Amino acid sequence: MMRYYIVFVSVFILFLGACTNTTAGEADRHDITLAHNHATDHPVHASLEHFKEEVETNSDGDMQVTIYANEQLGSEREVIELTQTGAVDATKVSAAALESFRPEYSIFNLPYLFESEDEFKEKMNDPEIANVLYQSSEDIGFVGLTYFDAGMRSLYTADRVVESTDDMAGLKVRVQPSAASVNMIEALGGTATPMGYGEVYTALQSGIIDAAENNLTSLVSSRHGEVADYWIYTEHTVVPDMFIMNKALLDEMSDEHREIIYDASDSANEFHEVVWAEATREAEDIAQNEMGVEFREVDKSSFIEASQPLHEEMKQDETMAPIYEMFRGEDDEAN
């Protein structure tokens, strides 16, 4: 049965790719296929719906956007690959998922790269910084359009209180399937367990893992607050969602339509800031008052100290050193 399902999905995706081609007499008309892995009630989906509305309205219908949520067209890695080939036109994926395609994106899994979420936004809203990332994948078939804030990631545990890195010993922590994520948790003293996001609830419930690290909304949107007793404000990373598009498609558009795509992406970013802030406040309230999750502040000094070897390693890496300097600049010398 699974074999027939895979064949059906593959044929369906090829059909979608064929439908997006511009034909004679339809110059600069595009049916854009957009895929992502979140549910339709997630803030990212709302932001992509905003992108769709902006594109369709401002192009007078010459560009139409069809959104496929809930991993309908595949996992994050799969839709990145499909976006490279043009079978899918655009997708939203975690920056962590892009690491294996371009090492530059591993910068976001460096713990305590940013002192605050505001600092992160300041850097990412600087075109001279953001465009280095967005354009780093031009030679492999896709480019970045914008980012969506995914919040500061912290630790949450099934039943263990964590107050310092000493408490991380033996703690099995789910991480995103990326080398940088594994290195981060290992550096902080825990035992990294790479795992798909959809497996986390059952793994916490059954004791396969002791903890996970993510943003606040995961406690509610995926009901992790039902199987986690503690939220620990480690605030160790900010790993954004990235909105990418097939480069060939973008290149073949008229200047006017290409500008519409970029403007709609910027507008979606601004829209997302509002809905994300609302979702975060709501998630904290529900997790604390309805799910019974205990929120605990933590002295971050031991975590920051433990992460320094990773910073030193990155500064010595030929590829990553310029990216690190771009984000840290003079701030690193001050620290």
C-alpha atoms as a PDB file:
ATOM      1  CA  MET A   1       0.000   0.000   0.000  1.00  0.00           C
ATOM      2  CA  MET A   2       2.807   2.427   0.895  1.00  0.00           C
ATOM      3  CA  ARG A   3       4.458   1.754  -2.474  1.00  0.00           C
ATOM      4  CA  TYR A   4       1.301   2.810  -4.345  1.00  0.00           C
ATOM      5  CA  TYR A   5       0.983   5.914  -2.140  1.00  0.00           C
ATOM      6  CA  ILE A   6       4.561   6.980  -2.928  1.00  0.00           C
ATOM      7  CA  VAL A   7       3.989   6.444  -6.651  1.00  0.00           C
ATOM      8  CA  PHE A   8       0.768   8.499  -6.483  1.00  0.00           C
ATOM      9  CA  VAL A   9       2.451  11.378  -4.640  1.00  0.00           C
ATOM     10  CA  SER A  10       5.391  11.343  -7.073  1.00  0.00           C
ATOM     11  CA  VAL A  11       3.074  11.479 -10.101  1.00  0.00           C
ATOM     12  CA  PHE A  12       1.008  14.215  -8.437  1.00  0.00           C
ATOM     13  CA  ILE A  13       4.110  16.329  -7.803  1.00  0.00           C
ATOM     14  CA  LEU A  14       5.257  15.893 -11.415  1.00  0.00           C
ATOM     15  CA  PHE A  15       1.803  17.046 -12.494  1.00  0.00           C
ATOM     16  CA  LEU A  16       2.089  20.104 -10.250  1.00  0.00           C
ATOM     17  CA  GLY A  17       5.476  20.917 -11.736  1.00  0.00           C
ATOM     18  CA  ALA A  18       4.064  20.706 -15.247  1.00  0.00           C
ATOM     19  CA  CYS A  19       1.188  23.000 -14.305  1.00  0.00           C
ATOM     20  CA  THR A  20       3.526  25.737 -13.129  1.00  0.00           C
ATOM     21  CA  ASN A  21       5.233  26.083 -16.516  1.00  0.00           C
ATOM     22  CA  THR A  22       4.427  29.214 -18.490  1.00  0.00           C
ATOM     23  CA  THR A  23       3.030  28.336 -21.929  1.00  0.00           C
ATOM     24  CA  ALA A  24       2.942  30.289 -25.151  1.00  0.00           C
ATOM     25  CA  GLY A  25       0.267  32.982 -25.010  1.00  0.00           C
ATOM     26  CA  GLU A  26       0.429  33.035 -21.228  1.00  0.00           C
ATOM     27  CA  ALA A  27       3.614  35.057 -20.843  1.00  0.00           C
ATOM     28  CA  ASP A  28       4.506  35.688 -17.216  1.00  0.00           C
ATOM     29  CA  ARG A  29       1.492  33.848 -15.828  1.00  0.00           C
ATOM     30  CA  HIS A  30       2.396  31.430 -13.063  1.00  0.00           C
ATOM     31  CA  ASP A  31       0.624  28.901 -10.868  1.00  0.00           C
ATOM     32  CA  ILE A  32       2.907  28.727  -7.849  1.00  0.00           C
ATOM     33  CA  THR A  33       3.031  25.581  -5.722  1.00  0.00           C
ATOM     34  CA  LEU A  34       3.958  26.333  -2.099  1.00  0.00           C
ATOM     35  CA  ALA A  35       4.545  23.564   0.472  1.00  0.00           C
ATOM     36  CA  HIS A  36       5.200  23.561   4.217  1.00  0.00           C
ATOM     37  CA  ASN A  37       5.050  21.199   7.186  1.00  0.00           C
ATOM     38  CA  HIS A  38       2.802  23.059   9.648  1.00  0.00           C
ATOM     39  CA  ALA A  39      -0.905  22.648  10.356  1.00  0.00           C
ATOM     40  CA  THR A  40      -3.328  25.159   8.888  1.00  0.00           C
ATOM     41  CA  ASP A  41      -3.903  26.777  12.302  1.00  0.00           C
ATOM     42  CA  HIS A  42      -0.189  27.597  12.715  1.00  0.00           C
ATOM     43  CA  PRO A  43       0.990  31.242  12.471  1.00  0.00           C
ATOM     44  CA  VAL A  44       3.297  30.336   9.573  1.00  0.00           C
ATOM     45  CA  HIS A  45       0.353  29.081   7.532  1.00  0.00           C
ATOM     46  CA  ALA A  46      -1.498  32.341   8.193  1.00  0.00           C
ATOM     47  CA  SER A  47       1.592  34.258   7.052  1.00  0.00           C
ATOM     48  CA  LEU A  48       1.831  32.224   3.855  1.00  0.00           C
ATOM     49  CA  GLU A  49      -1.871  32.827   3.212  1.00  0.00           C
ATOM     50  CA  HIS A  50      -1.063  36.529   3.525  1.00  0.00           C
ATOM     51  CA  PHE A  51       1.735  36.074   0.956  1.00  0.00           C
ATOM     52  CA  LYS A  52      -0.715  34.319  -1.380  1.00  0.00           C
ATOM     53  CA  GLU A  53      -3.269  37.138  -1.079  1.00  0.00           C
ATOM     54  CA  GLU A  54      -0.648  39.817  -1.732  1.00  0.00           C
ATOM     55  CA  VAL A  55       0.741  38.025  -4.794  1.00  0.00           C
ATOM     56  CA  GLU A  56      -2.619  37.278  -6.360  1.00  0.00           C
ATOM     57  CA  THR A  57      -4.047  40.741  -5.711  1.00  0.00           C
ATOM     58  CA  ASN A  58      -1.034  42.741  -6.862  1.00  0.00           C
ATOM     59  CA  SER A  59      -0.528  40.646 -10.002  1.00  0.00           C
ATOM     60  CA  ASP A  60      -4.212  41.011 -10.955  1.00  0.00           C
ATOM     61  CA  GLY A  61      -4.495  37.250 -10.866  1.00  0.00           C
ATOM     62  CA  ASP A  62      -1.604  36.603 -13.257  1.00  0.00           C
ATOM     63  CA  MET A  63       0.098  34.702 -10.458  1.00  0.00           C
ATOM     64  CA  GLN A  64      -1.867  32.160  -8.433  1.00  0.00           C
ATOM     65  CA  VAL A  65      -0.524  30.457  -5.299  1.00  0.00           C
ATOM     66  CA  THR A  66      -1.663  27.035  -4.063  1.00  0.00           C
ATOM     67  CA  ILE A  67      -0.554  26.130  -0.540  1.00  0.00           C
ATOM     68  CA  TYR A  68      -0.020  22.534   0.587  1.00  0.00           C
ATOM     69  CA  ALA A  69       0.282  22.311   4.382  1.00  0.00           C
ATOM     70  CA  ASN A  70       0.906  19.421   6.797  1.00  0.00           C
ATOM     71  CA  GLU A  71       3.771  17.855   4.802  1.00  0.00           C
ATOM     72  CA  GLN A  72       1.324  16.902   2.037  1.00  0.00           C
ATOM     73  CA  LEU A  73       4.148  17.061  -0.509  1.00  0.00           C
ATOM     74  CA  GLY A  74       6.837  15.582   1.719  1.00  0.00           C
ATOM     75  CA  SER A  75       9.166  16.209   4.637  1.00  0.00           C
ATOM     76  CA  GLU A  76      11.241  19.382   4.878  1.00  0.00           C
ATOM     77  CA  ARG A  77      14.228  17.738   3.211  1.00  0.00           C
ATOM     78  CA  GLU A  78      12.052  16.326   0.462  1.00  0.00           C
ATOM     79  CA  VAL A  79      10.376  19.650  -0.373  1.00  0.00           C
ATOM     80  CA  ILE A  80      13.745  21.428  -0.400  1.00  0.00           C
ATOM     81  CA  GLU A  81      14.904  18.922  -3.004  1.00  0.00           C
ATOM     82  CA  LEU A  82      11.671  19.389  -4.958  1.00  0.00           C
ATOM     83  CA  THR A  83      12.157  23.163  -4.834  1.00  0.00           C
ATOM     84  CA  GLN A  84      15.663  22.713  -6.234  1.00  0.00           C
ATOM     85  CA  THR A  85      14.263  20.914  -9.269  1.00  0.00           C
ATOM     86  CA  GLY A  86      11.207  23.126  -9.665  1.00  0.00           C
ATOM     87  CA  ALA A  87       8.688  20.337  -9.036  1.00  0.00           C
ATOM     88  CA  VAL A  88       7.653  22.531  -6.088  1.00  0.00           C
ATOM     89  CA  ASP A  89       8.043  26.273  -6.558  1.00  0.00           C
ATOM     90  CA  ALA A  90       8.431  27.500  -2.983  1.00  0.00           C
ATOM     91  CA  THR A  91       8.538  26.177   0.533  1.00  0.00           C
ATOM     92  CA  LYS A  92       8.921  27.189   4.148  1.00  0.00           C
ATOM     93  CA  VAL A  93      11.480  25.119   6.062  1.00  0.00           C
ATOM     94  CA  SER A  94      13.484  25.431   9.244  1.00  0.00           C
ATOM     95  CA  ALA A  95      16.957  26.883   8.841  1.00  0.00           C
ATOM     96  CA  ALA A  96      18.213  23.665  10.450  1.00  0.00           C
ATOM     97  CA  ALA A  97      16.857  21.655   7.513  1.00  0.00           C
ATOM     98  CA  LEU A  98      18.920  23.790   5.128  1.00  0.00           C
ATOM     99  CA  GLU A  99      22.234  22.970   6.851  1.00  0.00           C
ATOM    100  CA  SER A 100      22.860  19.896   4.731  1.00  0.00           C
ATOM    101  CA  PHE A 101      22.312  21.967   1.578  1.00  0.00           C
ATOM    102  CA  ARG A 102      24.306  25.034   2.628  1.00  0.00           C
ATOM    103  CA  PRO A 103      26.541  25.072   5.742  1.00  0.00           C
ATOM    104  CA  GLU A 104      25.928  28.808   6.215  1.00  0.00           C
ATOM    105  CA  TYR A 105      22.556  28.000   7.767  1.00  0.00           C
ATOM    106  CA  SER A 106      24.206  26.093  10.634  1.00  0.00           C
ATOM    107  CA  ILE A 107      25.005  29.477  12.188  1.00  0.00           C
ATOM    108  CA  PHE A 108      21.550  29.501  13.808  1.00  0.00           C
ATOM    109  CA  ASN A 109      22.243  26.366  15.832  1.00  0.00           C
ATOM    110  CA  LEU A 110      25.214  27.993  17.528  1.00  0.00           C
ATOM    111  CA  PRO A 111      24.063  28.474  21.129  1.00  0.00           C
ATOM    112  CA  TYR A 112      24.012  32.028  22.459  1.00  0.00           C
ATOM    113  CA  LEU A 113      24.859  33.591  19.126  1.00  0.00           C
ATOM    114  CA  PHE A 114      22.290  36.253  20.000  1.00  0.00           C
ATOM    115  CA  GLU A 115      21.763  37.883  23.379  1.00  0.00           C
ATOM    116  CA  SER A 116      18.083  38.446  22.673  1.00  0.00           C
ATOM    117  CA  GLU A 117      15.386  37.942  20.084  1.00  0.00           C
ATOM    118  CA  ASP A 118      15.533  41.663  19.330  1.00  0.00           C
ATOM    119  CA  GLU A 119      19.209  41.330  18.397  1.00  0.00           C
ATOM    120  CA  PHE A 120      18.362  38.416  16.122  1.00  0.00           C
ATOM    121  CA  LYS A 121      15.712  40.486  14.319  1.00  0.00           C
ATOM    122  CA  GLU A 122      18.037  43.453  14.004  1.00  0.00           C
ATOM    123  CA  LYS A 123      20.603  41.281  12.229  1.00  0.00           C
ATOM    124  CA  MET A 124      18.111  39.453  10.014  1.00  0.00           C
ATOM    125  CA  ASN A 125      16.396  42.684   8.979  1.00  0.00           C
ATOM    126  CA  ASP A 126      19.719  44.032   7.726  1.00  0.00           C
ATOM    127  CA  PRO A 127      19.722  43.318   3.958  1.00  0.00           C
ATOM    128  CA  GLU A 128      23.527  43.150   3.846  1.00  0.00           C
ATOM    129  CA  ILE A 129      23.412  40.234   6.290  1.00  0.00           C
ATOM    130  CA  ALA A 130      20.228  38.470   5.198  1.00  0.00           C
ATOM    131  CA  ASN A 131      21.074  38.531   1.489  1.00  0.00           C
ATOM    132  CA  VAL A 132      24.315  36.657   2.076  1.00  0.00           C
ATOM    133  CA  LEU A 133      22.230  33.759   3.366  1.00  0.00           C
ATOM    134  CA  TYR A 134      19.429  34.126   0.835  1.00  0.00           C
ATOM    135  CA  GLN A 135      21.847  34.089  -2.100  1.00  0.00           C
ATOM    136  CA  SER A 136      24.149  31.357  -0.773  1.00  0.00           C
ATOM    137  CA  SER A 137      22.071  28.645  -2.461  1.00  0.00           C
ATOM    138  CA  GLU A 138      21.709  30.243  -5.918  1.00  0.00           C
ATOM    139  CA  ASP A 139      24.055  27.703  -7.460  1.00  0.00           C
ATOM    140  CA  ILE A 140      21.992  24.752  -6.201  1.00  0.00           C
ATOM    141  CA  GLY A 141      18.625  25.904  -7.459  1.00  0.00           C
ATOM    142  CA  PHE A 142      16.870  28.049  -4.869  1.00  0.00           C
ATOM    143  CA  VAL A 143      17.077  31.430  -3.144  1.00  0.00           C
ATOM    144  CA  GLY A 144      15.755  32.861   0.086  1.00  0.00           C
ATOM    145  CA  LEU A 145      12.858  35.311   0.007  1.00  0.00           C
ATOM    146  CA  THR A 146      12.488  36.121   3.702  1.00  0.00           C
ATOM    147  CA  TYR A 147      12.486  34.569   7.163  1.00  0.00           C
ATOM    148  CA  PHE A 148       9.762  33.926   9.729  1.00  0.00           C
ATOM    149  CA  ASP A 149      10.606  34.346  13.392  1.00  0.00           C
ATOM    150  CA  ALA A 150      10.264  31.021  15.201  1.00  0.00           C
ATOM    151  CA  GLY A 151      11.095  32.338  18.656  1.00  0.00           C
ATOM    152  CA  MET A 152      13.895  31.588  21.083  1.00  0.00           C
ATOM    153  CA  ARG A 153      14.327  27.883  21.716  1.00  0.00           C
ATOM    154  CA  SER A 154      14.459  26.609  25.280  1.00  0.00           C
ATOM    155  CA  LEU A 155      14.546  23.278  27.047  1.00  0.00           C
ATOM    156  CA  TYR A 156      11.462  21.446  28.309  1.00  0.00           C
ATOM    157  CA  THR A 157      11.609  18.250  30.305  1.00  0.00           C
ATOM    158  CA  ALA A 158       9.278  15.417  31.219  1.00  0.00           C
ATOM    159  CA  ASP A 159      10.049  15.525  34.935  1.00  0.00           C
ATOM    160  CA  ARG A 160      13.552  16.857  35.628  1.00  0.00           C
ATOM    161  CA  VAL A 161      14.419  20.331  36.877  1.00  0.00           C
ATOM    162  CA  VAL A 162      17.468  21.796  35.122  1.00  0.00           C
ATOM    163  CA  GLU A 163      19.312  24.651  36.805  1.00  0.00           C
ATOM    164  CA  SER A 164      22.760  24.389  35.217  1.00  0.00           C
ATOM    165  CA  THR A 165      24.751  22.275  32.792  1.00  0.00           C
ATOM    166  CA  ASP A 166      25.471  19.890  35.693  1.00  0.00           C
ATOM    167  CA  ASP A 167      21.821  18.810  35.484  1.00  0.00           C
ATOM    168  CA  MET A 168      22.179  18.008  31.785  1.00  0.00           C
ATOM    169  CA  ALA A 169      24.304  14.901  32.437  1.00  0.00           C
ATOM    170  CA  GLY A 170      22.489  11.839  31.088  1.00  0.00           C
ATOM    171  CA  LEU A 171      19.518  13.897  29.896  1.00  0.00           C
ATOM    172  CA  LYS A 172      18.297  12.519  26.566  1.00  0.00           C
ATOM    173  CA  VAL A 173      17.229  15.583  24.565  1.00  0.00           C
ATOM    174  CA  ARG A 174      15.406  15.447  21.242  1.00  0.00           C
ATOM    175  CA  VAL A 175      17.032  17.671  18.646  1.00  0.00           C
ATOM    176  CA  GLN A 176      16.338  18.435  15.015  1.00  0.00           C
ATOM    177  CA  PRO A 177      18.128  16.039  12.662  1.00  0.00           C
ATOM    178  CA  SER A 178      21.165  18.229  12.045  1.00  0.00           C
ATOM    179  CA  ALA A 179      24.808  17.933  13.021  1.00  0.00           C
ATOM    180  CA  ALA A 180      24.862  21.426  14.526  1.00  0.00           C
ATOM    181  CA  SER A 181      21.864  20.604  16.743  1.00  0.00           C
ATOM    182  CA  VAL A 182      23.579  17.466  18.008  1.00  0.00           C
ATOM    183  CA  ASN A 183      26.808  19.334  18.712  1.00  0.00           C
ATOM    184  CA  MET A 184      24.920  22.024  20.608  1.00  0.00           C
ATOM    185  CA  ILE A 185      23.253  19.663  23.088  1.00  0.00           C
ATOM    186  CA  GLU A 186      26.419  17.617  23.528  1.00  0.00           C
ATOM    187  CA  ALA A 187      28.355  20.809  24.300  1.00  0.00           C
ATOM    188  CA  LEU A 188      25.765  21.769  26.915  1.00  0.00           C
ATOM    189  CA  GLY A 189      26.219  18.419  28.652  1.00  0.00           C
ATOM    190  CA  GLY A 190      23.190  16.489  27.418  1.00  0.00           C
ATOM    191  CA  THR A 191      22.740  13.439  25.219  1.00  0.00           C
ATOM    192  CA  ALA A 192      21.402  14.487  21.833  1.00  0.00           C
ATOM    193  CA  THR A 193      18.698  12.330  20.242  1.00  0.00           C
ATOM    194  CA  PRO A 194      17.898  13.376  16.644  1.00  0.00           C
ATOM    195  CA  MET A 195      14.234  12.739  15.948  1.00  0.00           C
ATOM    196  CA  GLY A 196      11.422  13.911  13.696  1.00  0.00           C
ATOM    197  CA  TYR A 197       9.143  16.495  15.261  1.00  0.00           C
ATOM    198  CA  GLY A 198       6.080  14.282  14.951  1.00  0.00           C
ATOM    199  CA  GLU A 199       7.656  11.649  17.202  1.00  0.00           C
ATOM    200  CA  VAL A 200       8.367  13.924  20.180  1.00  0.00           C
ATOM    201  CA  TYR A 201       5.043  13.590  22.035  1.00  0.00           C
ATOM    202  CA  THR A 202       5.154   9.799  22.195  1.00  0.00           C
ATOM    203  CA  ALA A 203       8.890   9.766  22.931  1.00  0.00           C
ATOM    204  CA  LEU A 204       8.445  12.087  25.934  1.00  0.00           C
ATOM    205  CA  GLN A 205       5.433  10.162  27.134  1.00  0.00           C
ATOM    206  CA  SER A 206       7.176   6.779  26.929  1.00  0.00           C
ATOM    207  CA  GLY A 207      10.537   7.907  28.318  1.00  0.00           C
ATOM    208  CA  ILE A 208      12.490   7.341  25.105  1.00  0.00           C
ATOM    209  CA  ILE A 209      13.650  10.921  25.599  1.00  0.00           C
ATOM    210  CA  ASP A 210      13.748  13.009  28.778  1.00  0.00           C
ATOM    211  CA  ALA A 211      13.482  16.409  27.181  1.00  0.00           C
ATOM    212  CA  ALA A 212      13.219  18.426  23.995  1.00  0.00           C
ATOM    213  CA  GLU A 213      14.169  21.924  22.922  1.00  0.00           C
ATOM    214  CA  ASN A 214      11.939  24.158  20.889  1.00  0.00           C
ATOM    215  CA  ASN A 215       9.920  27.356  20.937  1.00  0.00           C
ATOM    216  CA  LEU A 216       7.028  28.011  23.307  1.00  0.00           C
ATOM    217  CA  THR A 217       4.232  27.316  20.844  1.00  0.00           C
ATOM    218  CA  SER A 218       5.256  23.648  20.588  1.00  0.00           C
ATOM    219  CA  LEU A 219       3.892  23.082  24.094  1.00  0.00           C
ATOM    220  CA  VAL A 220       0.394  23.825  22.836  1.00  0.00           C
ATOM    221  CA  SER A 221       0.318  23.367  19.054  1.00  0.00           C
ATOM    222  CA  SER A 222       1.673  19.808  19.347  1.00  0.00           C
ATOM    223  CA  ARG A 223       0.369  19.265  22.919  1.00  0.00           C
ATOM    224  CA  HIS A 224       3.852  18.649  24.302  1.00  0.00           C
ATOM    225  CA  GLY A 225       2.725  20.450  27.450  1.00  0.00           C
ATOM    226  CA  GLU A 226       0.639  17.376  28.267  1.00  0.00           C
ATOM    227  CA  VAL A 227       3.800  15.273  28.702  1.00  0.00           C
ATOM    228  CA  ALA A 228       6.284  17.917  29.916  1.00  0.00           C
ATOM    229  CA  ASP A 229       6.329  19.119  33.517  1.00  0.00           C
ATOM    230  CA  TYR A 230       8.939  21.884  33.172  1.00  0.00           C
ATOM    231  CA  TRP A 231       9.813  24.644  30.739  1.00  0.00           C
ATOM    232  CA  ILE A 232      13.357  25.904  31.355  1.00  0.00           C
ATOM    233  CA  TYR A 233      14.171  29.352  29.960  1.00  0.00           C
ATOM    234  CA  THR A 234      17.592  28.458  28.561  1.00  0.00           C
ATOM    235  CA  GLU A 235      16.869  30.544  25.436  1.00  0.00           C
ATOM    236  CA  HIS A 236      19.902  29.013  23.787  1.00  0.00           C
ATOM    237  CA  THR A 237      19.141  29.544  20.082  1.00  0.00           C
ATOM    238  CA  VAL A 238      16.912  31.357  17.626  1.00  0.00           C
ATOM    239  CA  VAL A 239      16.404  29.105  14.598  1.00  0.00           C
ATOM    240  CA  PRO A 240      14.165  30.880  12.082  1.00  0.00           C
ATOM    241  CA  ASP A 241      11.929  29.422   9.428  1.00  0.00           C
ATOM    242  CA  MET A 242      13.166  30.267   5.942  1.00  0.00           C
ATOM    243  CA  PHE A 243      10.964  30.956   2.925  1.00  0.00           C
ATOM    244  CA  ILE A 244      12.707  29.807  -0.258  1.00  0.00           C
ATOM    245  CA  MET A 245      11.804  29.728  -3.968  1.00  0.00           C
ATOM    246  CA  ASN A 246      13.091  27.958  -7.063  1.00  0.00           C
ATOM    247  CA  LYS A 247      15.656  30.270  -8.673  1.00  0.00           C
ATOM    248  CA  ALA A 248      14.790  29.426 -12.272  1.00  0.00           C
ATOM    249  CA  LEU A 249      11.157  30.378 -11.697  1.00  0.00           C
ATOM    250  CA  LEU A 250      12.117  33.673 -10.109  1.00  0.00           C
ATOM    251  CA  ASP A 251      14.550  34.441 -12.938  1.00  0.00           C
ATOM    252  CA  GLU A 252      11.979  33.837 -15.686  1.00  0.00           C
ATOM    253  CA  MET A 253       9.457  36.271 -14.189  1.00  0.00           C
ATOM    254  CA  SER A 254       9.142  39.817 -15.425  1.00  0.00           C
ATOM    255  CA  ASP A 255      10.765  42.488 -13.271  1.00  0.00           C
ATOM    256  CA  GLU A 256       7.296  43.589 -12.183  1.00  0.00           C
ATOM    257  CA  HIS A 257       6.219  40.141 -11.020  1.00  0.00           C
ATOM    258  CA  ARG A 258       9.543  39.418  -9.382  1.00  0.00           C
ATOM    259  CA  GLU A 259       9.147  42.643  -7.403  1.00  0.00           C
ATOM    260  CA  ILE A 260       5.641  41.541  -6.381  1.00  0.00           C
ATOM    261  CA  ILE A 261       7.082  38.292  -5.015  1.00  0.00           C
ATOM    262  CA  TYR A 262       9.714  40.124  -2.985  1.00  0.00           C
ATOM    263  CA  ASP A 263       7.260  42.733  -1.706  1.00  0.00           C
ATOM    264  CA  ALA A 264       4.741  40.038  -0.738  1.00  0.00           C
ATOM    265  CA  SER A 265       7.490  38.161   1.117  1.00  0.00           C
ATOM    266  CA  ASP A 266       8.415  41.275   3.093  1.00  0.00           C
ATOM    267  CA  SER A 267       4.753  41.895   3.869  1.00  0.00           C
ATOM    268  CA  ALA A 268       4.341  38.282   5.041  1.00  0.00           C
ATOM    269  CA  ASN A 269       7.341  38.735   7.334  1.00  0.00           C
ATOM    270  CA  GLU A 270       5.754  41.798   8.934  1.00  0.00           C
ATOM    271  CA  PHE A 271       2.380  40.060   9.202  1.00  0.00           C
ATOM    272  CA  HIS A 272       4.063  37.089  10.859  1.00  0.00           C
ATOM    273  CA  GLU A 273       5.603  39.254  13.575  1.00  0.00           C
ATOM    274  CA  VAL A 274       2.098  40.137  14.781  1.00  0.00           C
ATOM    275  CA  VAL A 275       0.518  36.674  14.630  1.00  0.00           C
ATOM    276  CA  TRP A 276       3.624  35.014  16.098  1.00  0.00           C
ATOM    277  CA  ALA A 277       3.672  37.335  19.125  1.00  0.00           C
ATOM    278  CA  GLU A 278      -0.019  36.623  19.737  1.00  0.00           C
ATOM    279  CA  ALA A 279       0.491  32.859  19.410  1.00  0.00           C
ATOM    280  CA  THR A 280       3.437  32.900  21.837  1.00  0.00           C
ATOM    281  CA  ARG A 281       1.517  34.815  24.510  1.00  0.00           C
ATOM    282  CA  GLU A 282      -1.463  32.496  24.134  1.00  0.00           C
ATOM    283  CA  ALA A 283       0.711  29.366  24.277  1.00  0.00           C
ATOM    284  CA  GLU A 284       2.397  30.445  27.502  1.00  0.00           C
ATOM    285  CA  ASP A 285      -0.955  31.126  29.138  1.00  0.00           C
ATOM    286  CA  ILE A 286      -2.472  27.796  28.074  1.00  0.00           C
ATOM    287  CA  ALA A 287       0.619  25.742  28.933  1.00  0.00           C
ATOM    288  CA  GLN A 288       0.908  27.285  32.396  1.00  0.00           C
ATOM    289  CA  ASN A 289      -2.734  27.580  33.408  1.00  0.00           C
ATOM    290  CA  GLU A 290      -4.415  24.714  31.597  1.00  0.00           C
ATOM    291  CA  MET A 291      -1.670  22.138  31.071  1.00  0.00           C
ATOM    292  CA  GLY A 292       0.123  22.706  34.359  1.00  0.00           C
ATOM    293  CA  VAL A 293       3.599  23.257  32.912  1.00  0.00           C
ATOM    294  CA  GLU A 294       5.919  24.937  35.428  1.00  0.00           C
ATOM    295  CA  PHE A 295       7.979  27.761  33.895  1.00  0.00           C
ATOM    296  CA  ARG A 296      11.410  28.201  35.431  1.00  0.00           C
ATOM    297  CA  GLU A 297      14.069  30.860  34.906  1.00  0.00           C
ATOM    298  CA  VAL A 298      17.658  29.639  34.880  1.00  0.00           C
ATOM    299  CA  ASP A 299      21.096  31.140  35.370  1.00  0.00           C
ATOM    300  CA  LYS A 300      22.471  30.893  31.853  1.00  0.00           C
ATOM    301  CA  SER A 301      26.107  31.468  32.768  1.00  0.00           C
ATOM    302  CA  SER A 302      27.084  27.785  32.797  1.00  0.00           C
ATOM    303  CA  PHE A 303      25.326  27.230  29.468  1.00  0.00           C
ATOM    304  CA  ILE A 304      27.016  30.227  27.864  1.00  0.00           C
ATOM    305  CA  GLU A 305      30.407  29.085  29.153  1.00  0.00           C
ATOM    306  CA  ALA A 306      29.858  25.541  27.884  1.00  0.00           C
ATOM    307  CA  SER A 307      29.025  26.833  24.411  1.00  0.00           C
ATOM    308  CA  GLN A 308      32.245  28.808  23.949  1.00  0.00           C
ATOM    309  CA  PRO A 309      34.258  25.951  22.364  1.00  0.00           C
ATOM    310  CA  LEU A 310      31.613  25.822  19.611  1.00  0.00           C
ATOM    311  CA  HIS A 311      32.089  29.548  19.032  1.00  0.00           C
ATOM    312  CA  GLU A 312      35.853  29.104  18.812  1.00  0.00           C
ATOM    313  CA  GLU A 313      35.451  26.193  16.423  1.00  0.00           C
ATOM    314  CA  MET A 314      33.205  28.225  14.152  1.00  0.00           C
ATOM    315  CA  LYS A 315      35.604  31.160  14.129  1.00  0.00           C
ATOM    316  CA  GLN A 316      38.309  28.810  12.830  1.00  0.00           C
ATOM    317  CA  ASP A 317      36.133  27.275  10.105  1.00  0.00           C
ATOM    318  CA  GLU A 318      36.996  28.620   6.655  1.00  0.00           C
ATOM    319  CA  THR A 319      33.388  28.654   5.461  1.00  0.00           C
ATOM    320  CA  MET A 320      31.683  29.715   8.665  1.00  0.00           C
ATOM    321  CA  ALA A 321      34.138  32.327  10.004  1.00  0.00           C
ATOM    322  CA  PRO A 322      32.850  35.102   7.692  1.00  0.00           C
ATOM    323  CA  ILE A 323      29.251  34.260   8.588  1.00  0.00           C
ATOM    324  CA  TYR A 324      30.068  34.280  12.295  1.00  0.00           C
ATOM    325  CA  GLU A 325      31.839  37.623  11.972  1.00  0.00           C
ATOM    326  CA  MET A 326      28.892  39.016  10.022  1.00  0.00           C
ATOM    327  CA  PHE A 327      26.490  38.194  12.863  1.00  0.00           C
ATOM    328  CA  ARG A 328      28.769  38.903  15.809  1.00  0.00           C
ATOM    329  CA  GLY A 329      31.071  41.636  14.487  1.00  0.00           C
ATOM    330  CA  GLU A 330      32.345  43.977  17.178  1.00  0.00           C
ATOM    331  CA  ASP A 331      30.035  42.401  19.753  1.00  0.00           C
ATOM    332  CA  ASP A 332      32.246  39.321  19.863  1.00  0.00           C
ATOM    333  CA  GLU A 333      35.301  41.371  20.698  1.00  0.00           C
ATOM    334  CA  ALA A 334      33.376  43.058  23.495  1.00  0.00           C
ATOM    335  CA  ASN A 335      32.506  39.695  25.003  1.00  0.00           C
END
